[in-house]
């Protein structure tokens, strides 16, 4: 599998205005979450996988982990609002695609996940149709974004 801006970033249906402005509430939440993760990983001498596994434990009582869960919930709400959506149900939910003994995850419900994917697919198709109407998918476009590799 290959991960590149053209495969993952460019075709993603971001909220309207996302690329044109700094999204300060989301930036702040993301920075706080990132710093909180680093703080716990350094203090506990654990990696990202062990940290994220702790987010999914229903009996986890560490206030730092509970704070990260609260921040993740805030991030999800802020992202949903950026799309104009205000229905969400983030919490501990069972996911069927994981092994039976490890199915509880801190995420949105299966019904919400299906709805989010439906909405993003619909938005992606809408954006594609808008781009096609501007001639961006017929090989003649002159105002496409060019990404340069990081150095």
N, C-alpha and C. Protein backbone atom coordinates (compact mmCIF):
# COMPACT_ATOMS: atom_id res chain seq x y z
N UNK A 1 0.85 -1.17 0.00
CA UNK A 1 0.00 0.00 0.00
C UNK A 1 0.90 1.24 0.00
N UNK A 2 0.49 2.24 -0.72
CA UNK A 2 1.26 3.47 -0.86
C UNK A 2 0.45 4.63 -0.28
N UNK A 3 1.13 5.49 0.46
CA UNK A 3 0.48 6.68 1.01
C UNK A 3 1.18 7.89 0.44
N UNK A 4 0.43 8.69 -0.26
CA UNK A 4 1.00 9.92 -0.82
C UNK A 4 -0.09 10.98 -0.84
N UNK A 5 0.30 12.26 -0.96
CA UNK A 5 -0.72 13.32 -1.02
C UNK A 5 -1.74 13.11 -2.14
N UNK A 6 -1.29 12.60 -3.29
CA UNK A 6 -2.23 12.42 -4.39
C UNK A 6 -3.22 11.30 -4.11
N UNK A 7 -2.81 10.31 -3.33
CA UNK A 7 -3.71 9.20 -3.01
C UNK A 7 -4.63 9.49 -1.84
N UNK A 8 -4.11 10.16 -0.83
CA UNK A 8 -4.86 10.30 0.41
C UNK A 8 -5.36 11.71 0.70
N UNK A 9 -4.60 12.72 0.38
CA UNK A 9 -4.95 14.08 0.77
C UNK A 9 -5.76 14.80 -0.30
N UNK A 10 -5.28 14.81 -1.52
CA UNK A 10 -5.93 15.59 -2.57
C UNK A 10 -7.37 15.19 -2.82
N UNK A 11 -7.70 13.88 -2.87
CA UNK A 11 -9.09 13.53 -3.17
C UNK A 11 -10.03 13.59 -1.98
N UNK A 12 -9.52 13.88 -0.78
CA UNK A 12 -10.37 13.89 0.41
C UNK A 12 -11.33 15.08 0.36
N UNK A 13 -12.57 14.84 0.71
CA UNK A 13 -13.61 15.88 0.68
C UNK A 13 -13.59 16.67 1.98
N UNK A 14 -12.68 17.66 2.06
CA UNK A 14 -12.59 18.49 3.25
C UNK A 14 -13.79 19.43 3.33
N UNK A 15 -14.07 19.98 4.52
CA UNK A 15 -15.18 20.95 4.64
C UNK A 15 -14.90 22.19 3.79
N UNK A 16 -15.97 22.87 3.38
CA UNK A 16 -15.82 24.10 2.61
C UNK A 16 -14.94 25.09 3.36
N UNK A 17 -14.01 25.72 2.64
CA UNK A 17 -13.16 26.74 3.23
C UNK A 17 -11.99 26.19 4.03
N UNK A 18 -11.85 24.89 4.12
CA UNK A 18 -10.81 24.29 4.95
C UNK A 18 -9.41 24.69 4.50
N UNK A 19 -9.16 24.70 3.20
CA UNK A 19 -7.83 25.01 2.68
C UNK A 19 -7.54 26.51 2.65
N UNK A 20 -8.57 27.32 2.74
CA UNK A 20 -8.39 28.76 2.57
C UNK A 20 -8.15 29.51 3.88
N UNK A 21 -8.41 28.88 4.99
CA UNK A 21 -8.27 29.57 6.27
C UNK A 21 -7.56 28.67 7.27
N UNK A 22 -7.01 29.29 8.28
CA UNK A 22 -6.50 28.50 9.40
C UNK A 22 -7.69 28.17 10.27
N UNK A 23 -7.82 26.94 10.59
CA UNK A 23 -8.96 26.49 11.37
C UNK A 23 -8.54 26.44 12.84
N UNK A 24 -8.47 27.62 13.47
CA UNK A 24 -7.90 27.75 14.80
C UNK A 24 -8.48 26.79 15.85
N UNK A 25 -9.81 26.62 15.94
CA UNK A 25 -10.31 25.69 16.96
C UNK A 25 -9.79 24.26 16.73
N UNK A 26 -9.77 23.81 15.48
CA UNK A 26 -9.26 22.46 15.21
C UNK A 26 -7.76 22.39 15.42
N UNK A 27 -7.03 23.43 15.01
CA UNK A 27 -5.58 23.46 15.23
C UNK A 27 -5.27 23.39 16.72
N UNK A 28 -5.98 24.16 17.52
CA UNK A 28 -5.75 24.18 18.96
C UNK A 28 -6.05 22.82 19.58
N UNK A 29 -7.18 22.22 19.22
CA UNK A 29 -7.53 20.92 19.75
C UNK A 29 -6.49 19.87 19.35
N UNK A 30 -6.08 19.90 18.09
CA UNK A 30 -5.07 18.95 17.63
C UNK A 30 -3.75 19.11 18.35
N UNK A 31 -3.33 20.36 18.55
CA UNK A 31 -2.09 20.61 19.29
C UNK A 31 -2.19 20.11 20.72
N UNK A 32 -3.32 20.37 21.37
CA UNK A 32 -3.50 19.92 22.75
C UNK A 32 -3.50 18.40 22.85
N UNK A 33 -4.14 17.75 21.88
CA UNK A 33 -4.17 16.29 21.88
C UNK A 33 -2.77 15.73 21.66
N UNK A 34 -2.05 16.28 20.70
CA UNK A 34 -0.69 15.84 20.39
C UNK A 34 0.22 15.99 21.61
N UNK A 35 0.16 17.15 22.25
CA UNK A 35 0.99 17.39 23.44
C UNK A 35 0.61 16.45 24.58
N UNK A 36 -0.67 16.22 24.75
CA UNK A 36 -1.12 15.29 25.78
C UNK A 36 -0.63 13.87 25.54
N UNK A 37 -0.65 13.45 24.28
CA UNK A 37 -0.14 12.12 23.94
C UNK A 37 1.34 12.01 24.26
N UNK A 38 2.10 13.03 23.86
CA UNK A 38 3.54 13.02 24.10
C UNK A 38 3.82 12.98 25.61
N UNK A 39 3.07 13.77 26.37
CA UNK A 39 3.25 13.81 27.83
C UNK A 39 3.08 12.43 28.45
N UNK A 40 1.99 11.74 28.09
CA UNK A 40 1.73 10.42 28.66
C UNK A 40 2.77 9.41 28.17
N UNK A 41 3.10 9.43 26.90
CA UNK A 41 4.07 8.46 26.38
C UNK A 41 5.43 8.63 27.04
N UNK A 42 5.85 9.86 27.24
CA UNK A 42 7.14 10.09 27.92
C UNK A 42 7.09 9.67 29.38
N UNK A 43 6.03 10.05 30.08
CA UNK A 43 5.92 9.73 31.50
C UNK A 43 5.82 8.22 31.73
N UNK A 44 5.09 7.53 30.87
CA UNK A 44 4.87 6.09 31.04
C UNK A 44 5.90 5.26 30.28
N UNK A 45 6.73 5.93 29.47
CA UNK A 45 7.73 5.25 28.63
C UNK A 45 7.06 4.19 27.75
N UNK A 46 6.00 4.63 27.05
CA UNK A 46 5.26 3.74 26.15
C UNK A 46 5.20 4.38 24.76
N UNK A 47 4.85 3.59 23.79
CA UNK A 47 4.70 4.07 22.43
C UNK A 47 3.25 4.39 22.12
N UNK A 48 3.03 4.81 20.89
CA UNK A 48 1.71 5.24 20.45
C UNK A 48 0.67 4.11 20.51
N UNK A 49 1.06 2.91 20.14
CA UNK A 49 0.10 1.80 20.14
C UNK A 49 -0.39 1.52 21.56
N UNK A 50 0.53 1.45 22.51
CA UNK A 50 0.12 1.20 23.91
C UNK A 50 -0.74 2.34 24.44
N UNK A 51 -0.39 3.58 24.04
CA UNK A 51 -1.20 4.72 24.46
C UNK A 51 -2.62 4.59 23.90
N UNK A 52 -2.74 4.37 22.61
CA UNK A 52 -4.06 4.27 22.00
C UNK A 52 -4.85 3.08 22.55
N UNK A 53 -4.17 1.97 22.86
CA UNK A 53 -4.88 0.85 23.47
C UNK A 53 -5.52 1.26 24.79
N UNK A 54 -4.87 2.13 25.53
CA UNK A 54 -5.43 2.58 26.81
C UNK A 54 -6.68 3.45 26.61
N UNK A 55 -6.80 4.11 25.48
CA UNK A 55 -8.00 4.92 25.22
C UNK A 55 -9.25 4.04 25.10
N UNK A 56 -9.05 2.77 24.79
CA UNK A 56 -10.18 1.86 24.55
C UNK A 56 -10.56 1.02 25.76
N UNK A 57 -9.93 1.25 26.90
CA UNK A 57 -10.21 0.45 28.10
C UNK A 57 -11.28 1.15 28.94
N UNK A 58 -12.39 0.47 29.08
CA UNK A 58 -13.54 1.06 29.79
C UNK A 58 -13.22 1.40 31.24
N UNK A 59 -12.34 0.62 31.86
CA UNK A 59 -12.03 0.83 33.28
C UNK A 59 -10.83 1.75 33.50
N UNK A 60 -10.30 2.35 32.44
CA UNK A 60 -9.15 3.26 32.57
C UNK A 60 -9.55 4.47 33.40
N UNK A 61 -8.78 4.74 34.46
CA UNK A 61 -9.12 5.84 35.36
C UNK A 61 -8.03 6.92 35.42
N UNK A 62 -6.95 6.75 34.67
CA UNK A 62 -5.89 7.75 34.65
C UNK A 62 -6.47 9.06 34.11
N UNK A 63 -6.41 10.14 34.88
CA UNK A 63 -7.01 11.40 34.42
C UNK A 63 -6.39 11.92 33.12
N UNK A 64 -5.14 11.57 32.85
CA UNK A 64 -4.52 12.00 31.59
C UNK A 64 -5.16 11.29 30.41
N UNK A 65 -5.43 10.00 30.57
CA UNK A 65 -6.07 9.23 29.49
C UNK A 65 -7.52 9.69 29.32
N UNK A 66 -8.20 9.91 30.42
CA UNK A 66 -9.58 10.42 30.34
C UNK A 66 -9.59 11.79 29.66
N UNK A 67 -8.56 12.61 29.93
CA UNK A 67 -8.45 13.91 29.27
C UNK A 67 -8.25 13.77 27.78
N UNK A 68 -7.44 12.78 27.36
CA UNK A 68 -7.24 12.54 25.93
C UNK A 68 -8.53 12.08 25.27
N UNK A 69 -9.29 11.24 25.96
CA UNK A 69 -10.59 10.80 25.42
C UNK A 69 -11.52 12.00 25.26
N UNK A 70 -11.53 12.87 26.24
CA UNK A 70 -12.37 14.08 26.16
C UNK A 70 -11.93 14.96 25.00
N UNK A 71 -10.62 15.12 24.81
CA UNK A 71 -10.12 15.91 23.68
C UNK A 71 -10.48 15.26 22.35
N UNK A 72 -10.36 13.93 22.27
CA UNK A 72 -10.73 13.24 21.03
C UNK A 72 -12.20 13.46 20.70
N UNK A 73 -13.04 13.42 21.74
CA UNK A 73 -14.46 13.68 21.55
C UNK A 73 -14.67 15.12 21.05
N UNK A 74 -13.96 16.08 21.64
CA UNK A 74 -14.06 17.48 21.21
C UNK A 74 -13.61 17.65 19.76
N UNK A 75 -12.53 16.96 19.38
CA UNK A 75 -12.04 17.02 18.00
C UNK A 75 -13.10 16.48 17.05
N UNK A 76 -13.68 15.33 17.38
CA UNK A 76 -14.70 14.75 16.52
C UNK A 76 -15.91 15.66 16.37
N UNK A 77 -16.32 16.29 17.46
CA UNK A 77 -17.45 17.22 17.41
C UNK A 77 -17.10 18.43 16.55
N UNK A 78 -15.89 18.97 16.72
CA UNK A 78 -15.46 20.14 15.95
C UNK A 78 -15.37 19.82 14.46
N UNK A 79 -14.85 18.64 14.13
CA UNK A 79 -14.76 18.24 12.72
C UNK A 79 -16.16 18.08 12.14
N UNK A 80 -17.05 17.41 12.88
CA UNK A 80 -18.43 17.24 12.40
C UNK A 80 -19.08 18.60 12.17
N UNK A 81 -18.87 19.54 13.08
CA UNK A 81 -19.45 20.88 12.92
C UNK A 81 -18.85 21.61 11.72
N UNK A 82 -17.56 21.38 11.45
CA UNK A 82 -16.93 22.01 10.28
C UNK A 82 -17.63 21.56 9.00
N UNK A 83 -18.17 20.36 8.99
CA UNK A 83 -18.94 19.85 7.85
C UNK A 83 -20.41 20.27 7.91
N UNK A 84 -20.79 20.90 9.00
CA UNK A 84 -22.19 21.29 9.16
C UNK A 84 -23.04 20.19 9.77
N UNK A 85 -22.42 19.20 10.37
CA UNK A 85 -23.13 18.09 11.00
C UNK A 85 -23.09 18.28 12.51
N UNK A 86 -24.19 18.03 13.18
CA UNK A 86 -24.16 18.13 14.63
C UNK A 86 -24.73 16.90 15.31
N UNK A 87 -24.70 15.79 14.62
CA UNK A 87 -25.10 14.54 15.24
C UNK A 87 -23.86 13.65 15.38
N UNK A 88 -23.61 13.22 16.59
CA UNK A 88 -22.44 12.38 16.86
C UNK A 88 -22.70 11.61 18.15
N UNK A 89 -22.00 10.51 18.31
CA UNK A 89 -22.21 9.69 19.50
C UNK A 89 -20.90 9.01 19.91
N UNK A 90 -19.86 9.78 20.06
CA UNK A 90 -18.55 9.22 20.37
C UNK A 90 -18.54 8.62 21.77
N UNK A 91 -17.99 7.45 21.87
CA UNK A 91 -17.88 6.77 23.15
C UNK A 91 -17.29 5.39 22.94
N UNK A 92 -17.46 4.50 23.90
CA UNK A 92 -16.99 3.13 23.77
C UNK A 92 -18.06 2.31 23.05
N UNK A 93 -17.67 1.77 21.90
CA UNK A 93 -18.60 0.98 21.08
C UNK A 93 -17.91 -0.29 20.62
N UNK A 94 -18.68 -1.33 20.43
CA UNK A 94 -18.14 -2.58 19.91
C UNK A 94 -18.07 -2.48 18.39
N UNK A 95 -16.94 -2.93 17.84
CA UNK A 95 -16.76 -2.94 16.38
C UNK A 95 -16.59 -4.39 15.94
N UNK A 96 -17.35 -4.79 14.96
CA UNK A 96 -17.42 -6.19 14.55
C UNK A 96 -16.19 -6.67 13.80
N UNK A 97 -15.39 -5.78 13.24
CA UNK A 97 -14.28 -6.19 12.39
C UNK A 97 -13.01 -6.56 13.17
N UNK A 98 -13.05 -6.47 14.50
CA UNK A 98 -11.90 -6.83 15.32
C UNK A 98 -12.12 -8.19 15.98
N UNK A 99 -11.05 -8.82 16.48
CA UNK A 99 -11.22 -10.11 17.17
C UNK A 99 -12.21 -9.99 18.32
N UNK A 100 -12.94 -11.04 18.57
CA UNK A 100 -14.02 -11.02 19.56
C UNK A 100 -13.59 -10.54 20.93
N UNK A 101 -12.36 -10.84 21.34
CA UNK A 101 -11.91 -10.45 22.67
C UNK A 101 -11.36 -9.02 22.72
N UNK A 102 -11.42 -8.29 21.61
CA UNK A 102 -10.82 -6.95 21.55
C UNK A 102 -11.66 -6.01 20.68
N UNK A 103 -12.96 -6.06 20.83
CA UNK A 103 -13.86 -5.31 19.94
C UNK A 103 -14.29 -3.95 20.46
N UNK A 104 -14.10 -3.65 21.70
CA UNK A 104 -14.56 -2.37 22.25
C UNK A 104 -13.53 -1.30 21.90
N UNK A 105 -14.00 -0.22 21.29
CA UNK A 105 -13.14 0.88 20.87
C UNK A 105 -13.78 2.21 21.22
N UNK A 106 -12.94 3.19 21.50
CA UNK A 106 -13.39 4.56 21.72
C UNK A 106 -13.54 5.19 20.34
N UNK A 107 -14.77 5.22 19.86
CA UNK A 107 -15.05 5.63 18.48
C UNK A 107 -16.52 6.03 18.37
N UNK A 108 -16.97 6.20 17.15
CA UNK A 108 -18.40 6.43 16.92
C UNK A 108 -19.06 5.08 16.66
N UNK A 109 -20.37 5.02 16.82
CA UNK A 109 -21.09 3.77 16.63
C UNK A 109 -21.03 3.33 15.17
N UNK A 110 -21.36 2.07 14.94
CA UNK A 110 -21.38 1.53 13.57
C UNK A 110 -22.37 2.31 12.71
N UNK A 111 -23.54 2.61 13.25
CA UNK A 111 -24.54 3.37 12.48
C UNK A 111 -24.01 4.76 12.12
N UNK A 112 -23.35 5.41 13.07
CA UNK A 112 -22.78 6.73 12.80
C UNK A 112 -21.65 6.64 11.78
N UNK A 113 -20.83 5.60 11.87
CA UNK A 113 -19.72 5.42 10.93
C UNK A 113 -20.25 5.24 9.50
N UNK A 114 -21.30 4.44 9.36
CA UNK A 114 -21.90 4.24 8.03
C UNK A 114 -22.45 5.56 7.50
N UNK A 115 -23.10 6.34 8.37
CA UNK A 115 -23.65 7.63 7.95
C UNK A 115 -22.56 8.61 7.57
N UNK A 116 -21.47 8.65 8.33
CA UNK A 116 -20.35 9.55 8.00
C UNK A 116 -19.76 9.15 6.65
N UNK A 117 -19.56 7.86 6.41
CA UNK A 117 -19.02 7.40 5.13
C UNK A 117 -19.97 7.75 3.98
N UNK A 118 -21.27 7.61 4.21
CA UNK A 118 -22.25 7.97 3.17
C UNK A 118 -22.15 9.46 2.85
N UNK A 119 -22.09 10.28 3.90
CA UNK A 119 -22.01 11.73 3.70
C UNK A 119 -20.71 12.14 3.00
N UNK A 120 -19.59 11.53 3.42
CA UNK A 120 -18.31 11.86 2.78
C UNK A 120 -18.28 11.41 1.33
N UNK A 121 -18.87 10.25 1.03
CA UNK A 121 -18.94 9.77 -0.36
C UNK A 121 -19.78 10.72 -1.21
N UNK A 122 -20.89 11.15 -0.65
CA UNK A 122 -21.77 12.10 -1.35
C UNK A 122 -21.05 13.43 -1.60
N UNK A 123 -20.35 13.92 -0.59
CA UNK A 123 -19.61 15.17 -0.72
C UNK A 123 -18.47 15.02 -1.72
N UNK A 124 -17.80 13.88 -1.70
CA UNK A 124 -16.71 13.63 -2.64
C UNK A 124 -17.22 13.64 -4.07
N UNK A 125 -18.34 13.01 -4.31
CA UNK A 125 -18.93 13.00 -5.66
C UNK A 125 -19.31 14.42 -6.08
N UNK A 126 -19.90 15.18 -5.15
CA UNK A 126 -20.27 16.57 -5.45
C UNK A 126 -19.04 17.38 -5.83
N UNK A 127 -17.96 17.24 -5.05
CA UNK A 127 -16.73 17.98 -5.34
C UNK A 127 -16.13 17.57 -6.68
N UNK A 128 -16.17 16.27 -6.98
CA UNK A 128 -15.66 15.79 -8.25
C UNK A 128 -16.45 16.42 -9.41
N UNK A 129 -17.77 16.43 -9.28
CA UNK A 129 -18.61 17.01 -10.34
C UNK A 129 -18.31 18.49 -10.52
N UNK A 130 -18.08 19.21 -9.42
CA UNK A 130 -17.72 20.63 -9.50
C UNK A 130 -16.38 20.80 -10.20
N UNK A 131 -15.40 19.96 -9.87
CA UNK A 131 -14.08 20.03 -10.49
C UNK A 131 -14.16 19.67 -11.97
N UNK A 132 -14.95 18.66 -12.30
CA UNK A 132 -15.10 18.25 -13.70
C UNK A 132 -15.74 19.38 -14.51
N UNK A 133 -16.69 20.09 -13.91
CA UNK A 133 -17.34 21.21 -14.60
C UNK A 133 -16.34 22.33 -14.87
N UNK A 134 -15.27 22.43 -14.04
CA UNK A 134 -14.23 23.44 -14.26
C UNK A 134 -13.11 22.93 -15.15
N UNK A 135 -13.25 21.70 -15.64
CA UNK A 135 -12.25 21.14 -16.54
C UNK A 135 -11.03 20.56 -15.86
N UNK A 136 -11.15 20.25 -14.58
CA UNK A 136 -9.98 19.76 -13.85
C UNK A 136 -9.70 18.27 -14.03
N UNK A 137 -10.59 17.56 -14.71
CA UNK A 137 -10.38 16.12 -14.87
C UNK A 137 -10.29 15.69 -16.33
N UNK A 138 -10.02 16.64 -17.20
CA UNK A 138 -9.90 16.27 -18.61
C UNK A 138 -8.48 16.45 -19.13
N UNK A 139 -7.52 16.65 -18.22
CA UNK A 139 -6.13 16.77 -18.62
C UNK A 139 -5.73 18.16 -19.09
N UNK A 140 -6.63 19.12 -19.10
CA UNK A 140 -6.31 20.46 -19.58
C UNK A 140 -6.21 21.48 -18.46
N UNK A 141 -6.38 21.06 -17.24
CA UNK A 141 -6.38 22.01 -16.12
C UNK A 141 -5.02 22.66 -15.96
N UNK A 142 -5.03 23.94 -15.65
CA UNK A 142 -3.78 24.67 -15.44
C UNK A 142 -3.62 25.15 -14.01
N UNK A 143 -4.67 25.06 -13.21
CA UNK A 143 -4.59 25.58 -11.85
C UNK A 143 -4.66 24.46 -10.81
N UNK A 144 -3.98 23.34 -11.08
CA UNK A 144 -3.96 22.26 -10.11
C UNK A 144 -2.86 22.49 -9.09
N UNK A 145 -3.02 21.89 -7.95
CA UNK A 145 -2.05 22.02 -6.86
C UNK A 145 -0.91 21.04 -7.10
N UNK A 146 0.30 21.50 -6.91
CA UNK A 146 1.46 20.63 -7.00
C UNK A 146 2.07 20.50 -5.62
N UNK A 147 2.22 19.28 -5.16
CA UNK A 147 2.84 19.02 -3.86
C UNK A 147 4.29 18.67 -4.05
N UNK A 148 5.11 19.22 -3.17
CA UNK A 148 6.54 18.90 -3.20
C UNK A 148 6.86 18.03 -2.00
N UNK A 149 7.77 17.07 -2.19
CA UNK A 149 8.13 16.22 -1.05
C UNK A 149 8.78 17.02 0.05
N UNK A 150 8.59 16.58 1.29
CA UNK A 150 9.23 17.23 2.41
C UNK A 150 10.73 16.96 2.36
N UNK A 151 11.49 17.92 2.88
CA UNK A 151 12.94 17.69 2.93
C UNK A 151 13.38 17.50 4.35
